[in-house]
Protein backbone atom coordinates (compact mmCIF):
# COMPACT_ATOMS: atom_id res chain seq x y z
CA MET A 1 -38.97 -76.01 16.72
CA PRO A 2 -41.43 -73.09 16.52
CA GLU A 3 -41.24 -72.75 20.30
CA GLU A 4 -37.42 -72.45 20.12
CA LYS A 5 -37.67 -69.66 17.48
CA ALA A 6 -40.16 -67.77 19.65
CA THR A 7 -37.80 -68.07 22.63
CA ARG A 8 -34.87 -66.76 20.55
CA ALA A 9 -36.97 -63.82 19.28
CA ALA A 10 -38.08 -62.96 22.81
CA SER A 11 -34.48 -63.21 23.95
CA ARG A 12 -33.40 -60.78 21.23
CA TYR A 13 -36.14 -58.33 22.19
CA ASP A 14 -35.09 -58.58 25.83
CA ALA A 15 -31.46 -57.88 24.86
CA VAL A 16 -32.43 -54.86 22.72
CA ILE A 17 -34.64 -53.45 25.48
CA ALA A 18 -31.96 -54.03 28.14
CA THR A 19 -29.38 -52.30 25.90
CA LEU A 20 -31.73 -49.35 25.36
CA VAL A 21 -32.43 -49.04 29.10
CA GLY A 22 -28.70 -49.21 29.85
CA PHE A 23 -27.95 -46.51 27.27
CA CYS A 24 -30.68 -44.26 28.70
CA ALA A 25 -29.25 -44.77 32.20
CA LEU A 26 -25.79 -43.84 30.90
CA CYS A 27 -27.17 -40.65 29.32
CA VAL A 28 -29.01 -39.66 32.50
CA SER A 29 -25.88 -40.31 34.55
CA ALA A 30 -23.70 -38.21 32.23
CA TYR A 31 -26.22 -35.35 32.30
CA THR A 32 -26.43 -35.47 36.11
CA ALA A 33 -22.64 -35.34 36.37
CA TRP A 34 -22.55 -32.32 34.03
CA VAL A 35 -25.24 -30.48 36.05
CA GLN A 36 -23.39 -31.18 39.32
CA ARG A 37 -20.15 -29.88 37.82
CA GLN A 38 -21.89 -26.65 36.77
CA GLN A 39 -23.32 -26.26 40.28
CA VAL A 40 -19.90 -26.75 41.88
CA ARG A 41 -18.42 -24.13 39.56
CA ALA A 42 -21.18 -21.68 40.46
CA ALA A 43 -20.67 -22.31 44.17
CA VAL A 44 -17.07 -21.12 44.11
CA TRP A 45 -17.50 -17.91 42.14
CA PRO A 46 -16.01 -14.80 43.71
CA ILE A 47 -18.46 -12.06 44.60
CA LEU A 48 -16.83 -8.64 44.78
CA GLU A 49 -18.49 -6.03 46.96
CA TYR A 50 -17.60 -2.33 46.59
CA GLN A 51 -18.18 0.14 49.42
CA THR A 52 -17.39 3.79 50.01
CA SER A 53 -17.44 5.83 53.16
CA ASN A 54 -16.64 9.41 54.05
CA ALA A 55 -17.12 9.38 57.80
CA PRO A 56 -14.83 10.03 59.62
CA ASP A 57 -12.48 9.79 56.63
CA ILE A 58 -12.71 8.70 53.00
CA HIS A 59 -12.61 4.93 52.41
CA PHE A 60 -12.93 2.88 49.23
CA THR A 61 -13.21 -0.84 49.92
CA VAL A 62 -13.42 -3.84 47.62
CA ALA A 63 -14.02 -7.13 49.45
CA ASN A 64 -14.44 -10.68 48.21
CA LYS A 65 -17.67 -11.98 49.75
CA GLY A 66 -17.74 -15.14 47.62
CA VAL A 67 -16.29 -18.55 48.31
CA GLY A 68 -13.79 -18.66 45.44
CA PRO A 69 -10.64 -16.60 44.95
CA ALA A 70 -10.96 -13.24 43.23
CA ILE A 71 -7.96 -12.51 41.05
CA ILE A 72 -7.91 -8.83 40.15
CA LYS A 73 -5.32 -8.07 37.49
CA ASN A 74 -6.18 -4.49 36.55
CA VAL A 75 -8.12 -1.64 38.11
CA ILE A 76 -8.90 1.62 36.37
CA ILE A 77 -10.06 4.54 38.50
CA ARG A 78 -11.86 7.22 36.52
CA VAL A 79 -12.89 10.68 37.63
CA ASP A 80 -15.13 12.54 35.17
CA ASP A 81 -14.43 9.74 32.63
CA GLN A 82 -10.68 10.39 32.77
CA PRO A 83 -8.40 7.58 33.96
CA MET A 84 -6.21 8.50 36.93
CA LYS A 85 -2.58 7.35 37.36
CA ASN A 86 -2.49 7.11 41.16
CA TRP A 87 -4.50 7.88 44.28
CA ALA A 88 -2.85 11.26 44.81
CA GLU A 89 -4.11 12.34 41.40
CA VAL A 90 -7.60 11.09 42.28
CA LEU A 91 -7.62 13.14 45.50
CA GLU A 92 -6.31 16.20 43.70
CA LYS A 93 -9.04 15.90 41.07
CA LEU A 94 -11.77 15.36 43.67
CA LEU A 95 -10.64 17.77 46.41
CA GLY A 96 -8.51 20.27 44.52
CA PRO A 97 -4.76 20.89 44.54
CA GLY A 98 -2.69 21.04 47.72
CA LYS A 99 -2.09 18.89 50.74
CA HIS A 100 -5.01 17.17 52.35
CA PRO A 101 -4.41 16.68 56.08
CA GLY A 102 -5.85 13.53 57.59
CA LEU A 103 -5.96 11.68 54.26
CA LYS A 104 -3.77 8.65 53.79
CA VAL A 105 -3.04 7.29 50.33
CA THR A 106 -2.15 3.59 50.44
């Protein structure tokens, strides 16, 4: 009989250890899935790049250089910390009043 009790005790220890190892594996798996999800999210972020040019004419360009979509809902253009209503007003503030030949406002 003592041998049977020792076998049962060893069996219980084996079951507890196997359960603990299984739980640890589950935790590691869940953490790995979370890290991979964060990496996938970071891989599809939009990256907006702003450029200006004044040769041969004035250009303002915003381009999405990232992998994901860039959804731009609002843009505020400020000149001397004052918000402008449209591009014509921006050009008037920057270049002075009057018509500006060769400049296209789109």
